[in-house]
């Protein structure tokens, strides 16, 4: 198989014109990259691919003088340029190199190239996710994948960027990634986008010399010195922003739904992720995620405001969490005895959560809320429970909802539900009957009234009832120590999950030693309670939250987003139809009836149009740390077109006919 390195080069850089022929340590950047590309193991040929514009003639001349193969093609349709270059060279496998990365490591590039063959992949890179220094980036792909992309890609962004169609359509192509074996190297920047970058690399060359061969040599002289900053994906983000495409093709999602319904009830493992909770024209199946964005099986890209139903606090494919998972994977997953990781995470939770003196782990939020109820019943020797909020799928709770099929009446009668902030109702219940516990989400779409949570704790202690905070959602989101830290109210027992493992299945029940001691006698036990991959992920997640301004970003981004969206809602006269409730890191959207139009019709149309314009959303803003300025603007742009059309349809009584399928209705009302 013929393996060809194609170097993408042009003179017309916006920030640094002519940079590819600027000199670094006495030789042009293009010479650096050509030389290093020739050193890539197993490479058969090196080609420079530039445009057919007169401005790029200096590149052509340099190649001629240095006997380097040069191909000229379309200036803006870079995919076409690559395809024709690869076709002319009769390449079977192509590795894409950019001319502004003079420190390319041939051995790293060789590993990426080998990954295509050894992994039987269509595409391999070292950028999904970012774990290597910026400047070592490379992508390898088969000619067959390039040919398919060339034939099928129609978006301008996918023509301007050679591999974006492949990366976005991972349901169609087998995509592999080479992760860096060393941690935290993504912070280094060894590429040239400005004259300042060139000056910085000059200083590095003076330290290490110009004949170094490996990135490890660079690390040995750099240490942890501050790196220049730049958005790696700025060009692609600009293309997407300028194009403003709509997501309208769901052929693969529709086909997947038909398959899944034959073997999976509802076609999904989760009610809230199933087809009954999304409009007809929706992406029902996703292929991958990166940061705060996801891609469906049809290759459509979305800003994700669902965030996996809130576990994804650090975003998809976070490098620190991924590294922790991969490191633990080498040691084992589920062992025959306990591991020290359990102790380490338990100690950390006891340090950061006010109510935590002892800890037990499980896999889902429902596991630990149910454990909390059993613990409270065992400790108090009482049976009845008061609930306030959503607490999972088990009988003791779901028996109080309209989804109570299969729950014995005798079980349902042991639980009573009370509206949030109704302190009088709580007191009436607690003083008239003996209750084992009050389990409550300390906040949700409702904010606690002044003194509500404090008074509730006083009442619970007065009447011998345990106060349980369900912090499955609020934990690690409102504050590092949860809503209990934010509101300064310490419950007797607390339940955590979701964001705790950034998507890995892990949850925890925590409480005082006096109460948690009863866990030694009640039976709460599972094979996977100490599963180490999830525990390692939780430790890494919490470390990142502690080290970076994660929670501050959730608050700031969430507040600005809901604030700007609210202005647009007001602008289009929709304040009666759509309101934001709750707190900034998890703003819930409340839809209301307007005239003859039901809240369900309004919500369905809202979701339909937001999805169409590239925002995956249900009924809340579920913010994650990687959500950035590009995401912010994309969401606001989607709000603008969605609210404008919604307002028009409401005024003209055309809303019902503008919905493309059945109206979405809630599984049951939980808050």
Foldseek 3Di string as FASTA:
>chain_A
DAEEEEEEDAQDFPAAGHQQQDDAPHGGLQVLVQVLQVVQPPHDAYEYEYEPDPRRVVVVVVCVVVVHHYFYYHHQQVLVSVLVVCVVVVHFKYKYHYSQQSLAFSDVSNVQQVCCVVVVWQKEWAPVPQFAAASNTMMMGGSVSSVVLVVPDDQSLCRRDNCLQVVLQCLVTPYYYDHDLDGDNHQAYQGDNHVVSSVVVNVLCVQQPDPDRDVVSSCVRPPPDHHDDDDPCVVSLVSCVVRLAFQQDQPVQVVLQVVQVVPPPQSDPDPCLGPLQAFPRFQSAWDFWDFQWTHGNVSFIFREQCLVVFLQQRTGPDPLLVSLLVVVVVVDWFDPDFDCLVVVLLVVLLVQAVFFPGKFKDFDQLLQLVVVQVLLCVVQVDQAEEEEFDRDDDQLPCCCWPPNPPRDPVSPVRYDYDYAQPQVVLLVVLVPDPHSEYEYACWDLAHHDVCSLVVSQVSCVVRVHFYEHEQQRQDLAQHVNGVCVVVVNHTAKYKYFRNLLSPGGMIMIGGDCVSCVCVVPDDRDDSNRRTPSSSSSSVSSSVCVVVDVSNVCLQVLQVVLQVLLVVLCVVLPNCQAWDWGDGRQKTFIDGQDDVPRGSLLLQNLLQVQLNRSRHHDRGIRNDHRSCDPSNSVSSSVSSNVSSNVSSVCVVVVNSVVPRPRDGRDDPTDGD
